[in-house]
Amino acid sequence: QVQLVESGGGLVQPGGSLRLSCAASGFTLDNYTIGWFRRAPGRAREGVSCISSSDGSTHYEDYVKGRFTIARDNAKNTAYLQMNSLKPEDTAVYYCAAKRGWTVQAMCIIAPNDSLWGQGTQVTVSS
């Protein structure tokens, strides 16, 4: 079965850290641009960070730049999102998505619906 499965979410205090994982099964991530997205309650889905399949180039949205780091391990067929210095406004369901042939900028800005999407993992930042 072709799918993406996110994990690593949870409850963390402001200033804390979490690492999200996005594991692919049924296909290999090597040739896919990978993106992390989030949807907060009452808000539209927004891009967080994306990483290319070819040269490892990355894109970060301004609101996470300097705090979050995206990475991929093709040998493990998994992508990651390291989140540091978390803020309450980072609270959301986080999703990963994969699509071939898109630049990291386009992937993060457009979030194509015909990407392969995971089911999401909840991140709550609260004291």
PDB file of N, CA and C in Angstrom:
ATOM      1  N   GLN A   1       0.840  -1.196   0.000  1.00  0.00           N
ATOM      2  CA  GLN A   1       0.000   0.000   0.000  1.00  0.00           C
ATOM      3  C   GLN A   1       0.873   1.243   0.000  1.00  0.00           C
ATOM      4  N   VAL A   2       0.593   2.131  -0.926  1.00  0.00           N
ATOM      5  CA  VAL A   2       1.362   3.370  -1.042  1.00  0.00           C
ATOM      6  C   VAL A   2       0.841   4.357  -0.010  1.00  0.00           C
ATOM      7  N   GLN A   3       1.693   4.787   0.892  1.00  0.00           N
ATOM      8  CA  GLN A   3       1.249   5.734   1.895  1.00  0.00           C
ATOM      9  C   GLN A   3       2.420   6.456   2.562  1.00  0.00           C
ATOM     10  N   LEU A   4       2.073   7.583   3.173  1.00  0.00           N
ATOM     11  CA  LEU A   4       2.978   8.334   4.034  1.00  0.00           C
ATOM     12  C   LEU A   4       2.389   8.326   5.435  1.00  0.00           C
ATOM     13  N   VAL A   5       3.224   8.106   6.419  1.00  0.00           N
ATOM     14  CA  VAL A   5       2.760   8.062   7.800  1.00  0.00           C
ATOM     15  C   VAL A   5       3.625   8.999   8.639  1.00  0.00           C
ATOM     16  N   GLU A   6       2.960  10.008   9.221  1.00  0.00           N
ATOM     17  CA  GLU A   6       3.660  10.933  10.099  1.00  0.00           C
ATOM     18  C   GLU A   6       3.650  10.422  11.530  1.00  0.00           C
ATOM     19  N   SER A   7       4.665  10.795  12.281  1.00  0.00           N
ATOM     20  CA  SER A   7       4.723  10.475  13.702  1.00  0.00           C
ATOM     21  C   SER A   7       5.604  11.508  14.391  1.00  0.00           C
ATOM     22  N   GLY A   8       5.559  11.496  15.715  1.00  0.00           N
ATOM     23  CA  GLY A   8       6.420  12.375  16.493  1.00  0.00           C
ATOM     24  C   GLY A   8       5.745  13.588  17.091  1.00  0.00           C
ATOM     25  N   GLY A   9       4.470  13.766  16.807  1.00  0.00           N
ATOM     26  CA  GLY A   9       3.755  14.886  17.383  1.00  0.00           C
ATOM     27  C   GLY A   9       3.496  14.673  18.859  1.00  0.00           C
ATOM     28  N   GLY A  10       2.990  15.715  19.508  1.00  0.00           N
ATOM     29  CA  GLY A  10       2.673  15.614  20.920  1.00  0.00           C
ATOM     30  C   GLY A  10       2.493  16.968  21.552  1.00  0.00           C
ATOM     31  N   LEU A  11       2.490  16.969  22.873  1.00  0.00           N
ATOM     32  CA  LEU A  11       2.341  18.186  23.658  1.00  0.00           C
ATOM     33  C   LEU A  11       3.719  18.620  24.157  1.00  0.00           C
ATOM     34  N   VAL A  12       4.055  19.871  23.931  1.00  0.00           N
ATOM     35  CA  VAL A  12       5.350  20.388  24.343  1.00  0.00           C
ATOM     36  C   VAL A  12       5.169  21.803  24.865  1.00  0.00           C
ATOM     37  N   GLN A  13       6.003  22.191  25.800  1.00  0.00           N
ATOM     38  CA  GLN A  13       5.933  23.541  26.335  1.00  0.00           C
ATOM     39  C   GLN A  13       6.571  24.538  25.374  1.00  0.00           C
ATOM     40  N   PRO A  14       6.165  25.787  25.447  1.00  0.00           N
ATOM     41  CA  PRO A  14       6.825  26.810  24.625  1.00  0.00           C
ATOM     42  C   PRO A  14       8.329  26.796  24.847  1.00  0.00           C
ATOM     43  N   GLY A  15       9.052  26.910  23.741  1.00  0.00           N
ATOM     44  CA  GLY A  15      10.505  26.835  23.794  1.00  0.00           C
ATOM     45  C   GLY A  15      11.054  25.442  23.627  1.00  0.00           C
ATOM     46  N   GLY A  16      10.168  24.447  23.650  1.00  0.00           N
ATOM     47  CA  GLY A  16      10.599  23.059  23.521  1.00  0.00           C
ATOM     48  C   GLY A  16      10.813  22.637  22.084  1.00  0.00           C
ATOM     49  N   SER A  17      11.129  21.348  21.928  1.00  0.00           N
ATOM     50  CA  SER A  17      11.449  20.798  20.613  1.00  0.00           C
ATOM     51  C   SER A  17      10.692  19.505  20.368  1.00  0.00           C
ATOM     52  N   LEU A  18      10.451  19.245  19.099  1.00  0.00           N
ATOM     53  CA  LEU A  18       9.900  17.974  18.644  1.00  0.00           C
ATOM     54  C   LEU A  18      10.545  17.643  17.305  1.00  0.00           C
ATOM     55  N   ARG A  19      10.619  16.355  17.002  1.00  0.00           N
ATOM     56  CA  ARG A  19      11.045  15.924  15.677  1.00  0.00           C
ATOM     57  C   ARG A  19       9.954  15.063  15.074  1.00  0.00           C
ATOM     58  N   LEU A  20       9.434  15.529  13.968  1.00  0.00           N
ATOM     59  CA  LEU A  20       8.422  14.779  13.234  1.00  0.00           C
ATOM     60  C   LEU A  20       9.090  13.901  12.190  1.00  0.00           C
ATOM     61  N   SER A  21       8.500  12.739  11.967  1.00  0.00           N
ATOM     62  CA  SER A  21       8.972  11.828  10.934  1.00  0.00           C
ATOM     63  C   SER A  21       7.856  11.578   9.931  1.00  0.00           C
ATOM     64  N   CYS A  22       8.264  11.329   8.708  1.00  0.00           N
ATOM     65  CA  CYS A  22       7.326  11.029   7.620  1.00  0.00           C
ATOM     66  C   CYS A  22       7.887   9.807   6.903  1.00  0.00           C
ATOM     67  N   ALA A  23       7.300   8.658   7.186  1.00  0.00           N
ATOM     68  CA  ALA A  23       7.796   7.405   6.634  1.00  0.00           C
ATOM     69  C   ALA A  23       6.970   6.986   5.434  1.00  0.00           C
ATOM     70  N   ALA A  24       7.651   6.676   4.350  1.00  0.00           N
ATOM     71  CA  ALA A  24       6.978   6.232   3.133  1.00  0.00           C
ATOM     72  C   ALA A  24       6.972   4.710   3.067  1.00  0.00           C
ATOM     73  N   SER A  25       5.877   4.165   2.573  1.00  0.00           N
ATOM     74  CA  SER A  25       5.816   2.729   2.326  1.00  0.00           C
ATOM     75  C   SER A  25       5.109   2.492   1.002  1.00  0.00           C
ATOM     76  N   GLY A  26       5.500   1.420   0.332  1.00  0.00           N
ATOM     77  CA  GLY A  26       4.907   1.098  -0.954  1.00  0.00           C
ATOM     78  C   GLY A  26       5.521   1.825  -2.126  1.00  0.00           C
ATOM     79  N   PHE A  27       6.447   2.722  -1.852  1.00  0.00           N
ATOM     80  CA  PHE A  27       7.166   3.423  -2.906  1.00  0.00           C
ATOM     81  C   PHE A  27       8.428   4.024  -2.279  1.00  0.00           C
ATOM     82  N   THR A  28       9.342   4.510  -3.127  1.00  0.00           N
ATOM     83  CA  THR A  28      10.559   5.125  -2.610  1.00  0.00           C
ATOM     84  C   THR A  28      10.494   6.631  -2.791  1.00  0.00           C
ATOM     85  N   LEU A  29      10.974   7.337  -1.770  1.00  0.00           N
ATOM     86  CA  LEU A  29      10.895   8.793  -1.754  1.00  0.00           C
ATOM     87  C   LEU A  29      11.964   9.476  -2.599  1.00  0.00           C
ATOM     88  N   ASP A  30      12.915   8.702  -3.117  1.00  0.00           N
ATOM     89  CA  ASP A  30      14.096   9.281  -3.753  1.00  0.00           C
ATOM     90  C   ASP A  30      13.775  10.375  -4.763  1.00  0.00           C
ATOM     91  N   ASN A  31      12.766  10.151  -5.591  1.00  0.00           N
ATOM     92  CA  ASN A  31      12.496  11.059  -6.702  1.00  0.00           C
ATOM     93  C   ASN A  31      11.372  12.044  -6.419  1.00  0.00           C
ATOM     94  N   TYR A  32      11.032  12.204  -5.156  1.00  0.00           N
ATOM     95  CA  TYR A  32       9.910  13.060  -4.787  1.00  0.00           C
ATOM     96  C   TYR A  32      10.374  14.294  -4.022  1.00  0.00           C
ATOM     97  N   THR A  33       9.793  15.421  -4.364  1.00  0.00           N
ATOM     98  CA  THR A  33       9.893  16.591  -3.511  1.00  0.00           C
ATOM     99  C   THR A  33       8.993  16.354  -2.309  1.00  0.00           C
ATOM    100  N   ILE A  34       9.496  16.652  -1.132  1.00  0.00           N
ATOM    101  CA  ILE A  34       8.737  16.408   0.102  1.00  0.00           C
ATOM    102  C   ILE A  34       8.433  17.735   0.771  1.00  0.00           C
ATOM    103  N   GLY A  35       7.225  17.846   1.243  1.00  0.00           N
ATOM    104  CA  GLY A  35       6.842  19.065   1.940  1.00  0.00           C
ATOM    105  C   GLY A  35       6.183  18.754   3.267  1.00  0.00           C
ATOM    106  N   TRP A  36       6.366  19.680   4.208  1.00  0.00           N
ATOM    107  CA  TRP A  36       5.634  19.653   5.476  1.00  0.00           C
ATOM    108  C   TRP A  36       4.665  20.835   5.467  1.00  0.00           C
ATOM    109  N   PHE A  37       3.456  20.563   5.898  1.00  0.00           N
ATOM    110  CA  PHE A  37       2.393  21.553   5.931  1.00  0.00           C
ATOM    111  C   PHE A  37       1.696  21.463   7.278  1.00  0.00           C
ATOM    112  N   ARG A  38       0.908  22.473   7.599  1.00  0.00           N
ATOM    113  CA  ARG A  38       0.172  22.413   8.850  1.00  0.00           C
ATOM    114  C   ARG A  38      -1.166  23.114   8.697  1.00  0.00           C
ATOM    115  N   ARG A  39      -2.095  22.660   9.537  1.00  0.00           N
ATOM    116  CA  ARG A  39      -3.411  23.304   9.597  1.00  0.00           C
ATOM    117  C   ARG A  39      -3.771  23.518  11.053  1.00  0.00           C
ATOM    118  N   ALA A  40      -3.885  24.789  11.419  1.00  0.00           N
ATOM    119  CA  ALA A  40      -4.302  25.142  12.774  1.00  0.00           C
ATOM    120  C   ALA A  40      -5.820  25.251  12.817  1.00  0.00           C
ATOM    121  N   PRO A  41      -6.441  25.090  13.982  1.00  0.00           N
ATOM    122  CA  PRO A  41      -7.895  25.196  14.077  1.00  0.00           C
ATOM    123  C   PRO A  41      -8.391  26.528  13.520  1.00  0.00           C
ATOM    124  N   GLY A  42      -9.376  26.451  12.635  1.00  0.00           N
ATOM    125  CA  GLY A  42      -9.971  27.649  12.078  1.00  0.00           C
ATOM    126  C   GLY A  42      -9.146  28.347  11.020  1.00  0.00           C
ATOM    127  N   ARG A  43      -8.059  27.737  10.613  1.00  0.00           N
ATOM    128  CA  ARG A  43      -7.187  28.362   9.622  1.00  0.00           C
ATOM    129  C   ARG A  43      -6.973  27.437   8.435  1.00  0.00           C
ATOM    130  N   ALA A  44      -6.592  28.032   7.335  1.00  0.00           N
ATOM    131  CA  ALA A  44      -6.296  27.250   6.142  1.00  0.00           C
ATOM    132  C   ALA A  44      -4.958  26.524   6.298  1.00  0.00           C
ATOM    133  N   ARG A  45      -4.803  25.462   5.531  1.00  0.00           N
ATOM    134  CA  ARG A  45      -3.524  24.754   5.509  1.00  0.00           C
ATOM    135  C   ARG A  45      -2.436  25.689   4.977  1.00  0.00           C
ATOM    136  N   GLU A  46      -1.253  25.597   5.550  1.00  0.00           N
ATOM    137  CA  GLU A  46      -0.150  26.449   5.095  1.00  0.00           C
ATOM    138  C   GLU A  46       1.133  25.635   4.997  1.00  0.00           C
ATOM    139  N   GLY A  47       2.001  26.078   4.122  1.00  0.00           N
ATOM    140  CA  GLY A  47       3.283  25.423   3.965  1.00  0.00           C
ATOM    141  C   GLY A  47       4.191  25.734   5.130  1.00  0.00           C
ATOM    142  N   VAL A  48       5.066  24.799   5.431  1.00  0.00           N
ATOM    143  CA  VAL A  48       6.046  24.977   6.501  1.00  0.00           C
ATOM    144  C   VAL A  48       7.453  24.921   5.911  1.00  0.00           C
ATOM    145  N   SER A  49       7.769  23.790   5.281  1.00  0.00           N
ATOM    146  CA  SER A  49       9.100  23.612   4.719  1.00  0.00           C
ATOM    147  C   SER A  49       9.064  22.505   3.682  1.00  0.00           C
ATOM    148  N   CYS A  50       9.929  22.618   2.680  1.00  0.00           N
ATOM    149  CA  CYS A  50      10.000  21.623   1.621  1.00  0.00           C
ATOM    150  C   CYS A  50      11.446  21.329   1.269  1.00  0.00           C
ATOM    151  N   ILE A  51      11.682  20.098   0.758  1.00  0.00           N
ATOM    152  CA  ILE A  51      13.035  19.688   0.392  1.00  0.00           C
ATOM    153  C   ILE A  51      12.987  18.976  -0.943  1.00  0.00           C
ATOM    154  N   SER A  52      13.970  19.245  -1.772  1.00  0.00           N
ATOM    155  CA  SER A  52      13.961  18.687  -3.119  1.00  0.00           C
ATOM    156  C   SER A  52      14.451  17.245  -3.117  1.00  0.00           C
ATOM    157  N   SER A  53      14.186  16.584  -4.242  1.00  0.00           N
ATOM    158  CA  SER A  53      14.652  15.209  -4.418  1.00  0.00           C
ATOM    159  C   SER A  53      16.056  15.155  -4.998  1.00  0.00           C
ATOM    160  N   SER A  54      16.458  16.210  -5.674  1.00  0.00           N
ATOM    161  CA  SER A  54      17.686  16.147  -6.462  1.00  0.00           C
ATOM    162  C   SER A  54      18.907  16.646  -5.695  1.00  0.00           C
ATOM    163  N   ASP A  55      18.900  17.936  -5.346  1.00  0.00           N
ATOM    164  CA  ASP A  55      20.111  18.520  -4.769  1.00  0.00           C
ATOM    165  C   ASP A  55      19.981  18.831  -3.281  1.00  0.00           C
ATOM    166  N   GLY A  56      18.872  18.417  -2.677  1.00  0.00           N
ATOM    167  CA  GLY A  56      18.700  18.668  -1.253  1.00  0.00           C
ATOM    168  C   GLY A  56      18.371  20.097  -0.905  1.00  0.00           C
ATOM    169  N   SER A  57      18.048  20.908  -1.909  1.00  0.00           N
ATOM    170  CA  SER A  57      17.706  22.293  -1.612  1.00  0.00           C
ATOM    171  C   SER A  57      16.429  22.344  -0.783  1.00  0.00           C
ATOM    172  N   THR A  58      16.334  23.384   0.012  1.00  0.00           N
ATOM    173  CA  THR A  58      15.223  23.493   0.957  1.00  0.00           C
ATOM    174  C   THR A  58      14.551  24.855   0.851  1.00  0.00           C
ATOM    175  N   HIS A  59      13.346  24.889   1.344  1.00  0.00           N
ATOM    176  CA  HIS A  59      12.588  26.133   1.420  1.00  0.00           C
ATOM    177  C   HIS A  59      11.904  26.168   2.776  1.00  0.00           C
ATOM    178  N   TYR A  60      11.942  27.321   3.425  1.00  0.00           N
ATOM    179  CA  TYR A  60      11.261  27.500   4.699  1.00  0.00           C
ATOM    180  C   TYR A  60      10.375  28.742   4.620  1.00  0.00           C
ATOM    181  N   GLU A  61       9.205  28.622   5.171  1.00  0.00           N
ATOM    182  CA  GLU A  61       8.370  29.802   5.300  1.00  0.00           C
ATOM    183  C   GLU A  61       8.924  30.688   6.405  1.00  0.00           C
ATOM    184  N   ASP A  62       8.676  31.969   6.290  1.00  0.00           N
ATOM    185  CA  ASP A  62       9.293  32.932   7.209  1.00  0.00           C
ATOM    186  C   ASP A  62       8.981  32.631   8.671  1.00  0.00           C
ATOM    187  N   TYR A  63       7.778  32.129   8.938  1.00  0.00           N
ATOM    188  CA  TYR A  63       7.374  31.967  10.328  1.00  0.00           C
ATOM    189  C   TYR A  63       8.066  30.790  11.021  1.00  0.00           C
ATOM    190  N   VAL A  64       8.828  29.969  10.286  1.00  0.00           N
ATOM    191  CA  VAL A  64       9.576  28.878  10.915  1.00  0.00           C
ATOM    192  C   VAL A  64      11.064  28.966  10.629  1.00  0.00           C
ATOM    193  N   LYS A  65      11.462  29.906   9.800  1.00  0.00           N
ATOM    194  CA  LYS A  65      12.866  30.017   9.399  1.00  0.00           C
ATOM    195  C   LYS A  65      13.743  30.251  10.635  1.00  0.00           C
ATOM    196  N   GLY A  66      14.817  29.491  10.733  1.00  0.00           N
ATOM    197  CA  GLY A  66      15.720  29.609  11.871  1.00  0.00           C
ATOM    198  C   GLY A  66      15.338  28.747  13.060  1.00  0.00           C
ATOM    199  N   ARG A  67      14.136  28.196  13.040  1.00  0.00           N
ATOM    200  CA  ARG A  67      13.677  27.347  14.151  1.00  0.00           C
ATOM    201  C   ARG A  67      13.463  25.900  13.716  1.00  0.00           C
ATOM    202  N   PHE A  68      13.012  25.706  12.491  1.00  0.00           N
ATOM    203  CA  PHE A  68      12.715  24.366  11.987  1.00  0.00           C
ATOM    204  C   PHE A  68      13.776  23.955  10.974  1.00  0.00           C
ATOM    205  N   THR A  69      14.043  22.642  10.897  1.00  0.00           N
ATOM    206  CA  THR A  69      14.972  22.094   9.921  1.00  0.00           C
ATOM    207  C   THR A  69      14.361  20.869   9.273  1.00  0.00           C
ATOM    208  N   ILE A  70      14.321  20.872   7.949  1.00  0.00           N
ATOM    209  CA  ILE A  70      13.812  19.728   7.208  1.00  0.00           C
ATOM    210  C   ILE A  70      14.994  18.881   6.742  1.00  0.00           C
ATOM    211  N   ALA A  71      14.777  17.575   6.705  1.00  0.00           N
ATOM    212  CA  ALA A  71      15.823  16.667   6.255  1.00  0.00           C
ATOM    213  C   ALA A  71      15.161  15.427   5.659  1.00  0.00           C
ATOM    214  N   ARG A  72      15.949  14.683   4.912  1.00  0.00           N
ATOM    215  CA  ARG A  72      15.453  13.433   4.365  1.00  0.00           C
ATOM    216  C   ARG A  72      16.563  12.398   4.438  1.00  0.00           C
ATOM    217  N   ASP A  73      16.169  11.157   4.631  1.00  0.00           N
ATOM    218  CA  ASP A  73      17.099  10.031   4.633  1.00  0.00           C
ATOM    219  C   ASP A  73      16.540   9.015   3.655  1.00  0.00           C
ATOM    220  N   ASN A  74      17.026   9.071   2.435  1.00  0.00           N
ATOM    221  CA  ASN A  74      16.473   8.192   1.406  1.00  0.00           C
ATOM    222  C   ASN A  74      16.718   6.716   1.722  1.00  0.00           C
ATOM    223  N   ALA A  75      17.789   6.427   2.422  1.00  0.00           N
ATOM    224  CA  ALA A  75      18.069   5.035   2.776  1.00  0.00           C
ATOM    225  C   ALA A  75      16.991   4.484   3.709  1.00  0.00           C
ATOM    226  N   LYS A  76      16.429   5.378   4.537  1.00  0.00           N
ATOM    227  CA  LYS A  76      15.367   4.968   5.457  1.00  0.00           C
ATOM    228  C   LYS A  76      13.983   5.280   4.905  1.00  0.00           C
ATOM    229  N   ASN A  77      13.964   5.872   3.692  1.00  0.00           N
ATOM    230  CA  ASN A  77      12.684   6.203   3.066  1.00  0.00           C
ATOM    231  C   ASN A  77      11.835   7.102   3.965  1.00  0.00           C
ATOM    232  N   THR A  78      12.498   8.032   4.604  1.00  0.00           N
ATOM    233  CA  THR A  78      11.848   8.856   5.626  1.00  0.00           C
ATOM    234  C   THR A  78      12.319  10.307   5.525  1.00  0.00           C
ATOM    235  N   ALA A  79      11.402  11.211   5.801  1.00  0.00           N
ATOM    236  CA  ALA A  79      11.737  12.625   5.912  1.00  0.00           C
ATOM    237  C   ALA A  79      11.461  13.073   7.338  1.00  0.00           C
ATOM    238  N   TYR A  80      12.099  14.181   7.711  1.00  0.00           N
ATOM    239  CA  TYR A  80      12.004  14.649   9.090  1.00  0.00           C
ATOM    240  C   TYR A  80      11.758  16.154   9.118  1.00  0.00           C
ATOM    241  N   LEU A  81      11.184  16.594  10.225  1.00  0.00           N
ATOM    242  CA  LEU A  81      11.074  18.018  10.498  1.00  0.00           C
ATOM    243  C   LEU A  81      11.471  18.225  11.955  1.00  0.00           C
ATOM    244  N   GLN A  82      12.648  18.799  12.163  1.00  0.00           N
ATOM    245  CA  GLN A  82      13.101  19.131  13.508  1.00  0.00           C
ATOM    246  C   GLN A  82      12.555  20.508  13.854  1.00  0.00           C
ATOM    247  N   MET A  83      11.821  20.572  14.933  1.00  0.00           N
ATOM    248  CA  MET A  83      11.178  21.823  15.334  1.00  0.00           C
ATOM    249  C   MET A  83      11.727  22.255  16.680  1.00  0.00           C
ATOM    250  N   ASN A  84      12.405  23.382  16.701  1.00  0.00           N
ATOM    251  CA  ASN A  84      12.971  23.934  17.928  1.00  0.00           C
ATOM    252  C   ASN A  84      12.301  25.263  18.260  1.00  0.00           C
ATOM    253  N   SER A  85      12.493  25.700  19.474  1.00  0.00           N
ATOM    254  CA  SER A  85      11.952  26.991  19.926  1.00  0.00           C
ATOM    255  C   SER A  85      10.475  27.111  19.578  1.00  0.00           C
ATOM    256  N   LEU A  86       9.731  26.080  19.893  1.00  0.00           N
ATOM    257  CA  LEU A  86       8.320  26.047  19.524  1.00  0.00           C
ATOM    258  C   LEU A  86       7.522  27.118  20.245  1.00  0.00           C
ATOM    259  N   LYS A  87       6.530  27.644  19.541  1.00  0.00           N
ATOM    260  CA  LYS A  87       5.667  28.701  20.050  1.00  0.00           C
ATOM    261  C   LYS A  87       4.227  28.196  20.060  1.00  0.00           C
ATOM    262  N   PRO A  88       3.378  28.779  20.881  1.00  0.00           N
ATOM    263  CA  PRO A  88       1.966  28.371  20.875  1.00  0.00           C
ATOM    264  C   PRO A  88       1.331  28.474  19.493  1.00  0.00           C
ATOM    265  N   GLU A  89       1.752  29.432  18.704  1.00  0.00           N
ATOM    266  CA  GLU A  89       1.174  29.592  17.365  1.00  0.00           C
ATOM    267  C   GLU A  89       1.617  28.503  16.393  1.00  0.00           C
ATOM    268  N   ASP A  90       2.544  27.635  16.812  1.00  0.00           N
ATOM    269  CA  ASP A  90       2.916  26.477  15.992  1.00  0.00           C
ATOM    270  C   ASP A  90       1.943  25.315  16.178  1.00  0.00           C
ATOM    271  N   THR A  91       1.020  25.456  17.119  1.00  0.00           N
ATOM    272  CA  THR A  91       0.031  24.399  17.353  1.00  0.00           C
ATOM    273  C   THR A  91      -0.794  24.154  16.101  1.00  0.00           C
ATOM    274  N   ALA A  92      -0.809  22.912  15.650  1.00  0.00           N
ATOM    275  CA  ALA A  92      -1.518  22.551  14.418  1.00  0.00           C
ATOM    276  C   ALA A  92      -1.392  21.052  14.198  1.00  0.00           C
ATOM    277  N   VAL A  93      -2.154  20.556  13.239  1.00  0.00           N
ATOM    278  CA  VAL A  93      -1.904  19.222  12.707  1.00  0.00           C
ATOM    279  C   VAL A  93      -0.884  19.375  11.580  1.00  0.00           C
ATOM    280  N   TYR A  94       0.164  18.600  11.653  1.00  0.00           N
ATOM    281  CA  TYR A  94       1.241  18.672  10.670  1.00  0.00           C
ATOM    282  C   TYR A  94       1.136  17.493   9.711  1.00  0.00           C
ATOM    283  N   TYR A  95       1.246  17.808   8.432  1.00  0.00           N
ATOM    284  CA  TYR A  95       1.139  16.805   7.379  1.00  0.00           C
ATOM    285  C   TYR A  95       2.398  16.813   6.519  1.00  0.00           C
ATOM    286  N   CYS A  96       2.783  15.642   6.047  1.00  0.00           N
ATOM    287  CA  CYS A  96       3.805  15.608   5.021  1.00  0.00           C
ATOM    288  C   CYS A  96       3.139  15.220   3.700  1.00  0.00           C
ATOM    289  N   ALA A  97       3.784  15.637   2.616  1.00  0.00           N
ATOM    290  CA  ALA A  97       3.284  15.353   1.279  1.00  0.00           C
ATOM    291  C   ALA A  97       4.462  15.114   0.350  1.00  0.00           C
ATOM    292  N   ALA A  98       4.225  14.348  -0.689  1.00  0.00           N
ATOM    293  CA  ALA A  98       5.289  14.033  -1.643  1.00  0.00           C
ATOM    294  C   ALA A  98       4.752  14.149  -3.055  1.00  0.00           C
ATOM    295  N   LYS A  99       5.553  14.734  -3.920  1.00  0.00           N
ATOM    296  CA  LYS A  99       5.149  14.885  -5.316  1.00  0.00           C
ATOM    297  C   LYS A  99       6.400  14.961  -6.183  1.00  0.00           C
ATOM    298  N   ARG A 100       6.330  14.349  -7.335  1.00  0.00           N
ATOM    299  CA  ARG A 100       7.455  14.385  -8.268  1.00  0.00           C
ATOM    300  C   ARG A 100       7.469  15.666  -9.082  1.00  0.00           C
ATOM    301  N   GLY A 101       8.665  16.133  -9.364  1.00  0.00           N
ATOM    302  CA  GLY A 101       8.846  17.134 -10.403  1.00  0.00           C
ATOM    303  C   GLY A 101       8.551  18.572 -10.015  1.00  0.00           C
ATOM    304  N   TRP A 102       8.287  18.834  -8.746  1.00  0.00           N
ATOM    305  CA  TRP A 102       7.978  20.207  -8.327  1.00  0.00           C
ATOM    306  C   TRP A 102       9.183  20.814  -7.600  1.00  0.00           C
ATOM    307  N   THR A 103       9.367  22.107  -7.785  1.00  0.00           N
ATOM    308  CA  THR A 103      10.405  22.800  -7.035  1.00  0.00           C
ATOM    309  C   THR A 103       9.955  22.941  -5.583  1.00  0.00           C
ATOM    310  N   VAL A 104      10.911  23.188  -4.714  1.00  0.00           N
ATOM    311  CA  VAL A 104      10.558  23.328  -3.300  1.00  0.00           C
ATOM    312  C   VAL A 104       9.680  24.552  -3.062  1.00  0.00           C
ATOM    313  N   GLN A 105       9.933  25.617  -3.810  1.00  0.00           N
ATOM    314  CA  GLN A 105       9.112  26.819  -3.628  1.00  0.00           C
ATOM    315  C   GLN A 105       7.678  26.549  -4.052  1.00  0.00           C
ATOM    316  N   ALA A 106       7.513  25.955  -5.214  1.00  0.00           N
ATOM    317  CA  ALA A 106       6.158  25.676  -5.712  1.00  0.00           C
ATOM    318  C   ALA A 106       5.432  24.704  -4.785  1.00  0.00           C
ATOM    319  N   MET A 107       6.153  23.695  -4.330  1.00  0.00           N
ATOM    320  CA  MET A 107       5.539  22.704  -3.450  1.00  0.00           C
ATOM    321  C   MET A 107       5.011  23.350  -2.189  1.00  0.00           C
ATOM    322  N   CYS A 108       5.806  24.206  -1.583  1.00  0.00           N
ATOM    323  CA  CYS A 108       5.409  24.812  -0.317  1.00  0.00           C
ATOM    324  C   CYS A 108       4.298  25.845  -0.491  1.00  0.00           C
ATOM    325  N   ILE A 109       4.328  26.570  -1.590  1.00  0.00           N
ATOM    326  CA  ILE A 109       3.355  27.650  -1.778  1.00  0.00           C
ATOM    327  C   ILE A 109       2.017  27.113  -2.265  1.00  0.00           C
ATOM    328  N   ILE A 110       2.066  26.142  -3.187  1.00  0.00           N
ATOM    329  CA  ILE A 110       0.839  25.677  -3.824  1.00  0.00           C
ATOM    330  C   ILE A 110       0.237  24.480  -3.099  1.00  0.00           C
ATOM    331  N   ALA A 111       1.088  23.628  -2.486  1.00  0.00           N
ATOM    332  CA  ALA A 111       0.607  22.441  -1.771  1.00  0.00           C
ATOM    333  C   ALA A 111      -0.364  21.649  -2.645  1.00  0.00           C
ATOM    334  N   PRO A 112       0.114  21.117  -3.754  1.00  0.00           N
ATOM    335  CA  PRO A 112      -0.766  20.482  -4.726  1.00  0.00           C
ATOM    336  C   PRO A 112      -1.610  19.367  -4.123  1.00  0.00           C
ATOM    337  N   ASN A 113      -2.904  19.428  -4.372  1.00  0.00           N
ATOM    338  CA  ASN A 113      -3.826  18.453  -3.797  1.00  0.00           C
ATOM    339  C   ASN A 113      -3.579  17.046  -4.311  1.00  0.00           C
ATOM    340  N   ASP A 114      -2.992  16.937  -5.520  1.00  0.00           N
ATOM    341  CA  ASP A 114      -2.777  15.599  -6.057  1.00  0.00           C
ATOM    342  C   ASP A 114      -1.437  15.021  -5.622  1.00  0.00           C
ATOM    343  N   SER A 115      -0.818  15.633  -4.616  1.00  0.00           N
ATOM    344  CA  SER A 115       0.345  15.022  -3.968  1.00  0.00           C
ATOM    345  C   SER A 115      -0.130  13.812  -3.165  1.00  0.00           C
ATOM    346  N   LEU A 116       0.807  12.990  -2.769  1.00  0.00           N
ATOM    347  CA  LEU A 116       0.513  11.934  -1.821  1.00  0.00           C
ATOM    348  C   LEU A 116       0.625  12.549  -0.426  1.00  0.00           C
ATOM    349  N   TRP A 117      -0.435  12.439   0.371  1.00  0.00           N
ATOM    350  CA  TRP A 117      -0.501  13.078   1.681  1.00  0.00           C
ATOM    351  C   TRP A 117      -0.554  12.038   2.787  1.00  0.00           C
ATOM    352  N   GLY A 118       0.061  12.383   3.927  1.00  0.00           N
ATOM    353  CA  GLY A 118      -0.089  11.568   5.115  1.00  0.00           C
ATOM    354  C   GLY A 118      -1.345  11.956   5.869  1.00  0.00           C
ATOM    355  N   GLN A 119      -1.592  11.275   6.977  1.00  0.00           N
ATOM    356  CA  GLN A 119      -2.827  11.490   7.735  1.00  0.00           C
ATOM    357  C   GLN A 119      -2.692  12.602   8.773  1.00  0.00           C
ATOM    358  N   GLY A 120      -1.463  13.016   9.041  1.00  0.00           N
ATOM    359  CA  GLY A 120      -1.236  14.116   9.958  1.00  0.00           C
ATOM    360  C   GLY A 120      -0.876  13.670  11.362  1.00  0.00           C
ATOM    361  N   THR A 121      -0.170  14.559  12.067  1.00  0.00           N
ATOM    362  CA  THR A 121       0.165  14.323  13.465  1.00  0.00           C
ATOM    363  C   THR A 121      -0.022  15.641  14.218  1.00  0.00           C
ATOM    364  N   GLN A 122      -0.646  15.552  15.386  1.00  0.00           N
ATOM    365  CA  GLN A 122      -0.986  16.749  16.145  1.00  0.00           C
ATOM    366  C   GLN A 122       0.222  17.252  16.930  1.00  0.00           C
ATOM    367  N   VAL A 123       0.476  18.545  16.817  1.00  0.00           N
ATOM    368  CA  VAL A 123       1.489  19.222  17.623  1.00  0.00           C
ATOM    369  C   VAL A 123       0.792  20.297  18.437  1.00  0.00           C
ATOM    370  N   THR A 124       0.944  20.236  19.738  1.00  0.00           N
ATOM    371  CA  THR A 124       0.338  21.219  20.628  1.00  0.00           C
ATOM    372  C   THR A 124       1.430  21.842  21.474  1.00  0.00           C
ATOM    373  N   VAL A 125       1.526  23.160  21.396  1.00  0.00           N
ATOM    374  CA  VAL A 125       2.527  23.896  22.163  1.00  0.00           C
ATOM    375  C   VAL A 125       1.783  24.713  23.210  1.00  0.00           C
ATOM    376  N   SER A 126       1.941  24.316  24.455  1.00  0.00           N
ATOM    377  CA  SER A 126       1.185  24.952  25.528  1.00  0.00           C
ATOM    378  C   SER A 126       1.883  24.719  26.853  1.00  0.00           C
ATOM    379  N   SER A 127       1.742  25.706  27.733  1.00  0.00           N
ATOM    380  CA  SER A 127       2.282  25.541  29.081  1.00  0.00           C
ATOM    381  C   SER A 127       1.215  25.005  30.024  1.00  0.00           C
TER     382      SER A 127
END
